[in-house]
Amino acid sequence: MLLEQWASEIKEKIHSSLSSTTFSTKKTLSERK
């Protein structure tokens, strides 16, 4: 039970950090044009 909750939390953190990184990268690329 605890392990599953911990794993899902890590997945959410990784997903949110990945999407925020992708967003900032796209923003930087569009600003450079």
Protein backbone atom coordinates (compact mmCIF):
# COMPACT_ATOMS: atom_id res chain seq x y z
CA MET A 1 0.00 0.00 0.00
CA LEU A 2 2.63 2.53 1.07
CA LEU A 3 4.99 1.46 -1.70
CA GLU A 4 2.32 1.98 -4.37
CA GLN A 5 1.50 5.43 -3.00
CA TRP A 6 5.21 6.32 -2.95
CA ALA A 7 5.67 5.09 -6.53
CA SER A 8 2.68 7.07 -7.80
CA GLU A 9 3.96 10.21 -6.07
CA ILE A 10 7.37 9.81 -7.73
CA LYS A 11 5.70 9.25 -11.11
CA GLU A 12 3.70 12.45 -10.67
CA LYS A 13 6.80 14.43 -9.66
CA ILE A 14 8.78 13.12 -12.64
CA HIS A 15 5.89 13.82 -15.01
CA SER A 16 5.39 17.37 -13.71
CA SER A 17 9.10 18.15 -13.85
CA LEU A 18 9.34 16.73 -17.37
CA SER A 19 6.38 18.75 -18.62
CA SER A 20 7.68 21.93 -16.97
CA THR A 21 11.10 21.36 -18.53
CA THR A 22 9.53 20.82 -21.94
CA PHE A 23 7.42 23.95 -21.49
CA SER A 24 10.39 26.13 -20.52
CA THR A 25 12.43 24.71 -23.40
CA LYS A 26 9.68 25.52 -25.90
CA LYS A 27 9.33 28.98 -24.38
CA THR A 28 13.07 29.62 -24.70
CA LEU A 29 13.11 28.39 -28.29
CA SER A 30 10.16 30.58 -29.28
CA GLU A 31 11.72 33.61 -27.56
CA ARG A 32 14.97 33.18 -29.52
CA LYS A 33 13.24 33.55 -32.89
